[in-house]
Amino acid sequence: MPISNMKKHMSSQVIPCKRCSKRLRVPIKPGKRLSVECAGCGLEFIVSFKSPFYEVFQFDGKKSLGDNLKQSLRRYGQLPDNARLKLMALVCLFTLFVLVLLGGLVFAFS
């Protein structure tokens, strides 16, 4: 698969029209609402995508911590590649921030 096709596939999703079931390719815009018009029948409807980061970190209070972490890892694996990279970069930056903060505290109190 050429890189341009891979990029197109990762940044869009095919959804069926609610009236005629024609397949429409719409861009994935997490947290946004898009007004889509079907090229086949002209029906206009709203498409919205939840933020993938929000979905990864949803925890169920009735489940154990281990089960919640397994479920989060499963959801993380289902994210598009670009979203996984962004999330991993945020986790790395947060971890680095915490390590620098802890290092500063250890230095200050030694």
Protein backbone atom coordinates (compact mmCIF):
# COMPACT_ATOMS: atom_id res chain seq x y z
CA MET A 1 0.00 0.00 0.00
CA PRO A 2 1.52 3.37 -1.00
CA ILE A 3 2.18 5.87 1.79
CA SER A 4 -0.45 8.31 0.47
CA ASN A 5 -3.11 5.57 0.68
CA MET A 6 -2.00 4.62 4.20
CA LYS A 7 -2.21 8.24 5.34
CA LYS A 8 -5.67 8.60 3.77
CA HIS A 9 -6.82 5.36 5.47
CA MET A 10 -5.54 6.43 8.92
CA SER A 11 -7.04 9.92 8.79
CA SER A 12 -10.50 8.99 7.49
CA GLN A 13 -13.27 6.52 8.12
CA VAL A 14 -15.88 5.02 5.81
CA ILE A 15 -19.44 5.32 7.14
CA PRO A 16 -22.76 4.33 5.53
CA CYS A 17 -25.39 6.95 4.67
CA LYS A 18 -28.34 6.68 7.04
CA ARG A 19 -30.85 6.76 4.17
CA CYS A 20 -29.36 5.01 1.12
CA SER A 21 -26.43 3.12 2.74
CA LYS A 22 -23.93 4.61 0.24
CA ARG A 23 -20.42 4.38 1.70
CA LEU A 24 -18.97 7.82 2.48
CA ARG A 25 -15.36 8.55 3.43
CA VAL A 26 -15.22 11.25 6.10
CA PRO A 27 -12.16 12.72 7.85
CA ILE A 28 -11.60 11.68 11.45
CA LYS A 29 -11.73 14.79 13.62
CA PRO A 30 -11.66 13.65 17.27
CA GLY A 31 -13.88 15.76 19.50
CA LYS A 32 -15.45 17.56 16.51
CA ARG A 33 -18.88 17.33 14.88
CA LEU A 34 -18.99 17.24 11.08
CA SER A 35 -21.95 17.97 8.84
CA VAL A 36 -21.87 15.38 6.04
CA GLU A 37 -23.94 15.41 2.86
CA CYS A 38 -24.45 12.14 1.02
CA ALA A 39 -23.38 12.31 -2.63
CA GLY A 40 -26.00 9.67 -3.51
CA CYS A 41 -29.26 10.89 -1.97
CA GLY A 42 -28.39 14.36 -0.61
CA LEU A 43 -29.21 13.53 3.03
CA GLU A 44 -27.35 15.79 5.43
CA PHE A 45 -26.42 14.38 8.84
CA ILE A 46 -23.99 14.98 11.69
CA VAL A 47 -21.00 12.71 12.37
CA SER A 48 -19.00 13.01 15.58
CA PHE A 49 -15.94 11.18 16.84
CA LYS A 50 -14.98 10.90 20.49
CA SER A 51 -11.45 11.83 21.39
CA PRO A 52 -9.40 8.63 21.25
CA PHE A 53 -7.46 9.70 24.34
CA TYR A 54 -10.68 9.99 26.32
CA GLU A 55 -11.74 6.51 25.28
CA VAL A 56 -8.43 4.90 26.25
CA PHE A 57 -8.55 6.18 29.83
CA GLN A 58 -12.18 5.34 30.71
CA PHE A 59 -12.20 3.29 33.89
CA ASP A 60 -15.02 1.16 35.27
CA GLY A 61 -15.34 1.51 39.05
CA LYS A 62 -16.79 -1.99 39.33
CA LYS A 63 -13.70 -3.67 37.82
CA SER A 64 -10.31 -4.22 39.40
CA LEU A 65 -7.34 -2.02 38.55
CA GLY A 66 -5.75 -4.88 36.59
CA ASP A 67 -8.88 -5.42 34.49
CA ASN A 68 -9.14 -1.66 33.80
CA LEU A 69 -5.50 -1.51 32.73
CA LYS A 70 -5.93 -4.52 30.42
CA GLN A 71 -8.98 -2.87 28.87
CA SER A 72 -7.09 0.41 28.42
CA LEU A 73 -4.21 -1.41 26.71
CA ARG A 74 -6.68 -3.15 24.40
CA ARG A 75 -8.27 0.21 23.48
CA TYR A 76 -4.80 1.72 22.98
CA GLY A 77 -3.97 -1.06 20.51
CA GLN A 78 -7.10 -0.23 18.49
CA LEU A 79 -6.14 3.43 18.03
CA PRO A 80 -4.87 4.63 14.65
CA ASP A 81 -1.07 4.82 14.44
CA ASN A 82 -0.95 8.62 14.55
CA ALA A 83 -3.10 8.74 17.72
CA ARG A 84 -0.94 6.07 19.40
CA LEU A 85 2.21 8.09 18.64
CA LYS A 86 0.68 11.28 20.06
CA LEU A 87 -0.50 9.53 23.19
CA MET A 88 2.89 7.86 23.71
CA ALA A 89 4.63 11.23 23.27
CA LEU A 90 2.34 12.79 25.91
CA VAL A 91 2.99 9.93 28.34
CA CYS A 92 6.76 10.26 27.79
CA LEU A 93 6.67 14.03 28.35
CA PHE A 94 4.60 13.61 31.50
CA THR A 95 6.99 10.95 32.82
CA LEU A 96 9.99 13.17 32.07
CA PHE A 97 8.30 16.08 33.85
CA VAL A 98 7.65 13.95 36.94
CA LEU A 99 11.23 12.64 36.97
CA VAL A 100 12.67 16.17 36.70
CA LEU A 101 10.33 17.37 39.43
CA LEU A 102 11.29 14.50 41.74
CA GLY A 103 14.97 15.03 40.95
CA GLY A 104 14.63 18.68 41.89
CA LEU A 105 12.94 17.78 45.15
CA VAL A 106 15.64 15.25 46.04
CA PHE A 107 18.34 17.83 45.23
CA ALA A 108 16.58 20.55 47.24
CA PHE A 109 16.25 18.39 50.36
CA SER A 110 19.70 16.81 50.30
